[in-house]
Amino acid sequence: MRIGFYAPLKAPSHPRPSGDRKIGRLLIKALKALGHEVEIISDLRSWEGDGCQESQDKIRRASMLIVKKLLEKYSTGPAPELIFTYHVYHKAPDWIGIKIANALNIPYVIAEASFAPKQLNGPWQSGHQQTLRCIRQAEQIIAFNPADIECIKPLLDHEQKIDWLKPFLDELPLCPVNIHKTGNDSANSQAPGHLNNLKNNTVRLIAVAMMREGDKEASYKQLSEALKKLDAANWQLIIIGDGNAAAEIKRFYKDLEDRCLFTGELANPEIFNYLLLSDIFVWPAVNEALGLALLEAQACGLPAVVQNYGGVATIIEDKVTGYVTNPGNIEQFISALDSLIINKQARKQMSLAARHKFESEHSFGVALKPLDSILNRLTLSEQTRNRS
């Protein structure tokens, strides 16, 4: 099947790494692995973060020009048989995919749709209304966070489908899993370059996140406050990430400088090296929708201490693969982290459970089957509609 793919929030070709870009690329890879031809129909980013109506109108007009050119192209050449739009919400509505689907009379699918009723009369009113139209027209909605299902369901009619697809990864560490769980620090002697900055005979904590204002900055601040109150003394924190709030975030850790290693932004192979040589993934996860960094840590067999925001609890299983503490309860977060630093046996058990959960629920191969089932159902529905 020929699939037209569009990601209005951030195109797969966007130069700035992020979880959103990664999920878009993963979806394309999965669709191709299932034998489909995938065309990215546009790289236009419809996201507008300031609530400026003039800017939103400009994006909408640019979108209509792209729709016109695409329909001219499809009138004389191969056209998509399905439109697959990834991540739609009021700040990043889909003005392109839905128009193409309507014009070609083909199925329209959304993966990850968010709807905020409070934006009905807000500064993104037009985006809110367009997102509602997209959701109500989609023949299939794929949710990565089960909490989104309950928000979206009331907007759908009885013929529309919404399914939960657990978030997944395709990249796995090349190093042997659990090399860091043996208590033998000789692995460090084989670590290339800057990895030698890791301290021996310590419990290594690690956080991987972009350093930007808002929720990420709030998570970094909460983490610094928690670490300053730890009873356990034998730890080192590795922080992987960079961004426009880096200077401010580093100030949060000024009193912890001798315990912190800031690496800056790294590519995935380097991130995996650090994860494999760490012991606990730590992240307050303020308003985190999914947290692909949690999946990467899980793939490396890392137990995690997190807060229960968004879809975090669908990745980390409380008291099995880590600790999921109540949002905003820093004392509970501190207690969970303290206990895991002290208890080496608990870390080992959670490490094995984390790797098992990743392989059985979140690996690339596991994700293909439900995605294939969804697309096959749409294909059969389309064939039935055409015959009638």
Protein backbone atom coordinates (compact mmCIF):
# COMPACT_ATOMS: atom_id res chain seq x y z
CA MET A 1 0.00 0.00 0.00
CA ARG A 2 1.17 3.54 -0.77
CA ILE A 3 1.04 5.63 2.39
CA GLY A 4 1.30 9.39 2.59
CA PHE A 5 2.97 10.32 5.89
CA TYR A 6 2.76 13.72 7.55
CA ALA A 7 4.02 14.93 10.95
CA PRO A 8 2.72 18.49 11.52
CA LEU A 9 4.50 18.98 14.86
CA LYS A 10 7.99 18.03 13.68
CA ALA A 11 8.96 16.45 10.37
CA PRO A 12 11.16 13.33 10.40
CA SER A 13 13.73 15.41 8.51
CA HIS A 14 13.87 18.16 11.14
CA PRO A 15 17.50 18.89 12.11
CA ARG A 16 16.84 19.05 15.87
CA PRO A 17 16.72 15.67 17.67
CA SER A 18 13.71 15.02 19.89
CA GLY A 19 11.44 12.23 21.00
CA ASP A 20 8.80 13.43 18.57
CA ARG A 21 11.16 13.23 15.61
CA LYS A 22 12.31 9.80 16.73
CA ILE A 23 8.76 8.42 16.95
CA GLY A 24 7.98 9.77 13.48
CA ARG A 25 11.02 8.02 12.05
CA LEU A 26 10.17 4.82 13.92
CA LEU A 27 6.64 4.81 12.50
CA ILE A 28 7.97 5.24 8.96
CA LYS A 29 10.47 2.43 9.50
CA ALA A 30 7.73 0.18 10.85
CA LEU A 31 5.41 0.91 7.93
CA LYS A 32 8.19 0.11 5.48
CA ALA A 33 9.07 -3.07 7.39
CA LEU A 34 5.47 -4.18 6.84
CA GLY A 35 5.97 -3.81 3.09
CA HIS A 36 4.32 -0.45 2.48
CA GLU A 37 5.62 2.37 0.32
CA VAL A 38 5.89 5.52 2.42
CA GLU A 39 6.04 9.06 1.04
CA ILE A 40 6.53 12.04 3.36
CA ILE A 41 4.00 14.34 1.74
CA SER A 42 5.32 17.53 3.38
CA ASP A 43 7.98 18.80 5.79
CA LEU A 44 5.92 21.87 6.72
CA ARG A 45 5.80 22.38 10.47
CA SER A 46 2.36 23.64 11.52
CA TRP A 47 3.41 24.19 15.14
CA GLU A 48 2.86 27.71 16.45
CA GLY A 49 3.78 28.17 20.10
CA ASP A 50 2.94 31.82 20.81
CA GLY A 51 -0.79 31.88 20.12
CA CYS A 52 -0.30 34.46 17.35
CA GLN A 53 -3.27 34.33 14.98
CA GLU A 54 -1.35 36.02 12.15
CA SER A 55 1.33 33.31 12.30
CA GLN A 56 -1.29 30.58 12.42
CA ASP A 57 -3.05 32.03 9.37
CA LYS A 58 0.26 32.15 7.51
CA ILE A 59 0.88 28.46 8.23
CA ARG A 60 -2.63 27.55 7.10
CA ARG A 61 -2.21 29.46 3.82
CA ALA A 62 1.14 27.77 3.18
CA SER A 63 -0.53 24.43 3.86
CA MET A 64 -3.23 25.09 1.26
CA LEU A 65 -0.59 25.84 -1.37
CA ILE A 66 1.11 22.53 -0.58
CA VAL A 67 -2.22 20.70 -0.84
CA LYS A 68 -2.82 22.25 -4.26
CA LYS A 69 0.62 21.18 -5.55
CA LEU A 70 0.23 17.66 -4.15
CA LEU A 71 -3.16 17.15 -5.79
CA GLU A 72 -1.74 18.35 -9.12
CA LYS A 73 1.08 15.84 -8.70
CA TYR A 74 -1.28 13.00 -7.82
CA SER A 75 -3.56 13.76 -10.78
CA THR A 76 -0.87 12.53 -13.18
CA GLY A 77 1.09 10.05 -11.05
CA PRO A 78 0.83 7.49 -8.26
CA ALA A 79 -1.21 8.77 -5.33
CA PRO A 80 -1.37 7.61 -1.71
CA GLU A 81 -3.92 4.98 -0.78
CA LEU A 82 -3.91 6.06 2.85
CA ILE A 83 -2.87 9.16 4.80
CA PHE A 84 -1.00 8.57 8.06
CA THR A 85 -0.64 11.70 10.22
CA TYR A 86 1.51 11.62 13.33
CA HIS A 87 0.82 13.84 16.37
CA VAL A 88 -2.02 16.30 16.07
CA TYR A 89 -3.06 18.89 18.65
CA HIS A 90 -4.21 22.51 18.83
CA LYS A 91 -0.71 24.01 18.48
CA ALA A 92 0.12 21.70 15.56
CA PRO A 93 -3.07 20.94 13.60
CA ASP A 94 -3.10 18.94 10.39
CA TRP A 95 -4.14 21.19 7.52
CA ILE A 96 -2.56 19.01 4.81
CA GLY A 97 -3.12 15.29 5.39
CA ILE A 98 -6.85 15.56 5.98
CA LYS A 99 -7.34 17.64 2.83
CA ILE A 100 -5.46 15.10 0.71
CA ALA A 101 -7.45 12.22 2.23
CA ASN A 102 -10.73 14.01 1.48
CA ALA A 103 -9.76 14.89 -2.08
CA LEU A 104 -8.59 11.36 -2.89
CA ASN A 105 -11.35 9.69 -0.85
CA ILE A 106 -8.89 7.48 1.01
CA PRO A 107 -8.60 6.42 4.68
CA TYR A 108 -7.22 8.94 7.14
CA VAL A 109 -5.24 7.69 10.17
CA ILE A 110 -3.90 9.64 13.14
CA ALA A 111 -1.21 8.31 15.46
CA GLU A 112 -1.22 10.29 18.73
CA ALA A 113 -4.03 12.81 18.87
CA SER A 114 -4.51 15.20 21.78
CA PHE A 115 -7.59 17.29 22.45
CA ALA A 116 -7.84 20.15 24.97
CA PRO A 117 -11.43 21.41 25.47
CA LYS A 118 -10.15 24.44 27.39
CA GLN A 119 -8.65 25.74 24.13
CA LEU A 120 -12.10 26.19 22.56
CA ASN A 121 -11.91 29.99 22.84
CA GLY A 122 -8.17 30.28 23.43
CA PRO A 123 -5.42 31.79 21.26
CA TRP A 124 -5.18 28.54 19.24
CA GLN A 125 -8.90 28.38 18.54
CA SER A 126 -8.50 27.67 14.83
CA GLY A 127 -6.01 24.87 15.55
CA HIS A 128 -8.32 23.46 18.18
CA GLN A 129 -11.25 23.36 15.76
CA GLN A 130 -9.13 21.81 13.02
CA THR A 131 -7.83 19.15 15.41
CA LEU A 132 -11.42 18.29 16.34
CA ARG A 133 -12.28 17.93 12.64
CA CYS A 134 -9.28 15.67 12.10
CA ILE A 135 -10.15 13.44 15.05
CA ARG A 136 -13.79 13.12 14.01
CA GLN A 137 -12.87 12.23 10.44
CA ALA A 138 -10.09 9.73 11.19
CA GLU A 139 -11.09 6.16 10.48
CA GLN A 140 -8.39 4.98 12.88
CA ILE A 141 -6.63 6.64 15.79
CA ILE A 142 -3.54 5.08 17.33
CA ALA A 143 -2.73 6.09 20.91
CA PHE A 144 0.68 5.60 22.54
CA ASN A 145 -0.64 6.64 25.96
CA PRO A 146 -3.79 4.79 27.11
CA ALA A 147 -4.88 7.92 29.00
CA ASP A 148 -5.42 9.62 25.62
CA ILE A 149 -8.01 7.00 24.69
CA GLU A 150 -10.46 8.15 27.35
CA CYS A 151 -10.07 11.78 26.24
CA ILE A 152 -10.60 11.02 22.56
CA LYS A 153 -13.34 8.36 22.74
CA PRO A 154 -16.23 10.78 23.40
CA LEU A 155 -15.40 12.58 20.15
CA LEU A 156 -15.70 9.47 17.96
CA ASP A 157 -18.72 7.83 16.35
CA HIS A 158 -19.41 4.10 16.57
CA GLU A 159 -17.61 3.32 13.30
CA GLN A 160 -14.32 4.92 14.28
CA LYS A 161 -11.60 2.85 15.93
CA ILE A 162 -9.01 3.78 18.53
CA ASP A 163 -6.26 1.37 19.57
CA TRP A 164 -3.33 1.50 21.98
CA LEU A 165 0.07 0.80 20.44
CA LYS A 166 2.76 0.56 23.09
CA PRO A 167 5.72 2.86 22.37
CA PHE A 168 8.67 1.02 20.85
CA LEU A 169 12.29 1.33 19.80
CA ASP A 170 14.35 -0.22 17.04
CA GLU A 171 17.86 0.62 18.25
CA LEU A 172 19.44 -1.68 20.81
CA PRO A 173 22.81 -1.39 22.54
CA LEU A 174 25.56 -3.41 20.97
CA CYS A 175 27.35 -3.98 24.28
CA PRO A 176 26.45 -6.98 26.43
CA VAL A 177 23.51 -6.18 28.65
CA ASN A 178 24.15 -6.11 32.42
CA ILE A 179 27.89 -5.43 32.05
CA HIS A 180 27.39 -2.67 34.62
CA LYS A 181 25.34 -4.78 37.02
CA THR A 182 28.12 -7.18 38.04
CA GLY A 183 29.77 -4.85 40.51
CA ASN A 184 33.03 -5.20 38.55
CA ASP A 185 34.31 -1.80 37.44
CA SER A 186 36.87 -3.33 35.10
CA ALA A 187 34.43 -2.49 32.30
CA ASN A 188 35.62 1.09 32.65
CA SER A 189 39.10 0.16 31.48
CA GLN A 190 37.55 -0.63 28.11
CA ALA A 191 35.52 2.59 27.95
CA PRO A 192 36.62 4.93 25.16
CA GLY A 193 37.64 8.55 25.76
CA HIS A 194 35.35 10.61 27.94
CA LEU A 195 33.71 7.54 29.48
CA ASN A 196 36.80 7.31 31.65
CA ASN A 197 35.42 10.30 33.59
CA LEU A 198 33.05 7.89 35.31
CA LYS A 199 33.89 7.24 38.92
CA ASN A 200 34.59 3.69 40.10
CA ASN A 201 32.94 2.09 43.10
CA THR A 202 29.90 4.36 42.99
CA VAL A 203 26.25 3.87 42.10
CA ARG A 204 25.86 5.70 38.81
CA LEU A 205 22.66 7.64 38.29
CA ILE A 206 21.80 8.89 34.81
CA ALA A 207 19.33 11.34 33.26
CA VAL A 208 18.87 11.89 29.52
CA ALA A 209 16.76 14.86 28.41
CA MET A 210 16.89 18.03 26.35
CA MET A 211 17.66 21.18 28.32
CA ARG A 212 14.81 23.46 27.40
CA GLU A 213 12.48 25.78 29.27
CA GLY A 214 9.20 24.50 30.69
CA ASP A 215 8.64 20.93 31.81
CA LYS A 216 12.19 19.73 31.10
CA GLU A 217 13.66 22.54 33.17
CA ALA A 218 11.17 21.79 35.95
CA SER A 219 12.23 18.13 35.95
CA TYR A 220 15.91 19.05 36.14
CA LYS A 221 15.18 21.41 39.04
CA GLN A 222 13.20 18.80 40.97
CA LEU A 223 15.94 16.24 40.41
CA SER A 224 18.61 18.59 41.76
CA GLU A 225 16.49 19.30 44.84
CA ALA A 226 15.98 15.58 45.44
CA LEU A 227 19.67 14.74 45.09
CA LYS A 228 20.66 17.37 47.65
CA LYS A 229 18.49 15.59 50.24
CA LEU A 230 19.65 12.01 49.62
CA ASP A 231 20.87 10.05 52.63
CA ALA A 232 22.93 7.76 50.41
CA ALA A 233 26.36 9.21 49.72
CA ASN A 234 27.90 6.76 47.27
CA TRP A 235 26.59 8.04 43.91
CA GLN A 236 27.50 9.95 40.77
CA LEU A 237 25.04 11.61 38.37
CA ILE A 238 25.53 11.58 34.60
CA ILE A 239 23.45 14.15 32.69
CA ILE A 240 23.13 13.80 28.91
CA GLY A 241 21.50 16.69 27.07
CA ASP A 242 21.77 20.27 25.91
CA GLY A 243 19.52 23.12 24.89
CA ASN A 244 18.63 26.78 25.36
CA ALA A 245 18.14 26.38 29.13
CA ALA A 246 21.46 24.59 29.73
CA ALA A 247 23.11 27.45 31.62
CA GLU A 248 20.19 27.84 34.03
CA ILE A 249 19.84 24.09 34.54
CA LYS A 250 23.53 23.68 35.35
CA ARG A 251 23.14 26.32 38.06
CA PHE A 252 20.67 23.99 39.82
CA TYR A 253 23.57 21.55 40.29
CA LYS A 254 26.23 24.03 41.41
CA ASP A 255 26.36 22.51 44.91
CA LEU A 256 26.68 19.03 43.36
CA GLU A 257 29.46 19.76 40.87
CA ASP A 258 31.83 17.13 42.27
CA ARG A 259 29.13 14.47 41.82
CA CYS A 260 27.86 15.46 38.35
CA LEU A 261 29.15 14.74 34.86
CA PHE A 262 27.56 16.83 32.09
CA THR A 263 28.21 15.29 28.68
CA GLY A 264 26.20 17.65 26.46
CA GLU A 265 24.14 16.30 23.57
CA LEU A 266 25.19 12.84 22.33
CA ALA A 267 24.24 10.48 19.54
CA ASN A 268 22.46 7.26 20.43
CA PRO A 269 25.50 4.95 20.33
CA GLU A 270 27.23 7.14 22.92
CA ILE A 271 24.06 7.40 25.00
CA PHE A 272 23.81 3.62 25.09
CA ASN A 273 27.43 3.39 26.25
CA TYR A 274 26.63 5.60 29.23
CA LEU A 275 23.39 3.76 29.97
CA LEU A 276 25.17 0.42 29.97
CA LEU A 277 27.72 1.72 32.45
CA SER A 278 25.08 3.22 34.77
CA ASP A 279 22.93 1.72 37.51
CA ILE A 280 19.73 3.76 37.88
CA PHE A 281 17.81 6.02 35.50
CA VAL A 282 16.45 9.03 37.41
CA TRP A 283 13.90 11.49 36.05
CA PRO A 284 10.98 13.37 37.64
CA ALA A 285 9.28 13.32 34.20
CA VAL A 286 7.14 16.42 34.78
CA ASN A 287 4.24 16.27 32.29
CA GLU A 288 6.15 13.67 30.24
CA ALA A 289 3.81 12.20 27.62
CA LEU A 290 5.84 9.08 26.79
CA GLY A 291 9.51 9.34 27.59
CA LEU A 292 11.52 7.52 24.94
CA ALA A 293 14.60 7.99 27.10
CA LEU A 294 12.89 5.67 29.60
CA LEU A 295 12.59 3.04 26.88
CA GLU A 296 16.26 3.41 25.98
CA ALA A 297 17.18 2.94 29.63
CA GLN A 298 14.90 -0.08 29.85
CA ALA A 299 16.51 -1.60 26.76
CA CYS A 300 19.82 -1.37 28.61
CA GLY A 301 18.38 -3.08 31.66
CA LEU A 302 18.28 0.00 33.87
CA PRO A 303 15.80 0.28 36.74
CA ALA A 304 14.26 3.75 36.95
CA VAL A 305 12.97 6.14 39.57
CA VAL A 306 10.33 8.43 38.04
CA GLN A 307 7.14 10.33 38.80
CA ASN A 308 3.77 9.19 37.50
CA TYR A 309 3.05 11.70 34.74
CA GLY A 310 1.47 10.99 31.36
CA GLY A 311 2.36 7.58 29.95
CA VAL A 312 5.36 6.99 32.21
CA ALA A 313 3.63 4.16 34.11
CA THR A 314 3.01 2.30 30.85
CA ILE A 315 6.79 1.98 30.48
CA ILE A 316 8.00 1.67 34.09
CA GLU A 317 6.18 -0.91 36.23
CA ASP A 318 6.17 0.23 39.84
CA LYS A 319 8.25 -1.96 42.19
CA VAL A 320 9.07 -4.30 39.28
CA THR A 321 11.22 -2.35 36.80
CA GLY A 322 11.68 0.66 39.05
CA TYR A 323 9.73 3.02 41.27
CA VAL A 324 6.87 5.21 40.02
CA THR A 325 6.28 7.91 42.62
CA ASN A 326 3.39 10.37 42.96
CA PRO A 327 3.66 13.59 40.91
CA GLY A 328 5.18 16.43 42.89
CA ASN A 329 5.96 14.23 45.91
CA ILE A 330 9.69 14.86 46.11
CA GLU A 331 10.04 13.14 49.48
CA GLN A 332 8.63 9.92 48.02
CA PHE A 333 10.98 10.26 45.04
CA ILE A 334 13.95 10.71 47.41
CA SER A 335 12.94 7.70 49.51
CA ALA A 336 12.61 5.45 46.45
CA LEU A 337 15.97 6.56 45.08
CA ASP A 338 17.70 6.16 48.45
CA SER A 339 16.42 2.60 48.80
CA LEU A 340 17.52 1.61 45.31
CA ILE A 341 21.00 3.10 45.73
CA ILE A 342 21.48 1.13 48.91
CA ASN A 343 19.95 -2.17 47.73
CA LYS A 344 22.17 -3.76 45.09
CA GLN A 345 20.07 -6.92 44.93
CA ALA A 346 16.91 -4.92 44.17
CA ARG A 347 18.76 -3.14 41.36
CA LYS A 348 19.81 -6.46 39.89
CA GLN A 349 16.29 -7.91 39.98
CA MET A 350 14.76 -4.75 38.50
CA SER A 351 17.45 -4.69 35.83
CA LEU A 352 16.48 -8.14 34.60
CA ALA A 353 12.78 -7.25 34.75
CA ALA A 354 13.36 -4.04 32.82
CA ARG A 355 15.15 -5.78 29.98
CA HIS A 356 12.48 -8.49 29.85
CA LYS A 357 9.68 -5.91 29.71
CA PHE A 358 11.39 -4.08 26.88
CA GLU A 359 11.94 -7.21 24.80
CA SER A 360 8.41 -8.55 25.36
CA GLU A 361 6.41 -5.32 25.08
CA HIS A 362 8.38 -2.45 23.51
CA SER A 363 10.75 -3.88 20.92
CA PHE A 364 10.42 -3.08 17.22
CA GLY A 365 9.38 -6.58 16.23
CA VAL A 366 6.66 -6.73 18.87
CA ALA A 367 5.15 -3.44 17.64
CA LEU A 368 4.83 -4.62 14.03
CA LYS A 369 2.05 -7.14 14.65
CA PRO A 370 -0.58 -4.77 16.11
CA LEU A 371 0.30 -2.07 13.58
CA ASP A 372 -0.09 -4.57 10.75
CA SER A 373 -3.45 -5.67 12.14
CA ILE A 374 -4.70 -2.08 12.22
CA LEU A 375 -3.65 -1.39 8.62
CA ASN A 376 -5.08 -4.68 7.36
CA ARG A 377 -8.40 -3.84 8.99
CA LEU A 378 -8.41 -0.47 7.26
CA THR A 379 -7.59 -2.07 3.92
CA LEU A 380 -10.45 -4.53 4.23
CA SER A 381 -12.81 -1.73 5.25
CA GLU A 382 -11.74 0.33 2.23
CA GLN A 383 -12.26 -2.60 -0.14
CA THR A 384 -15.74 -3.17 1.28
CA ARG A 385 -16.56 0.53 0.91
CA ASN A 386 -15.40 0.55 -2.72
CA ARG A 387 -17.48 -2.51 -3.61
CA SER A 388 -20.59 -0.94 -2.15
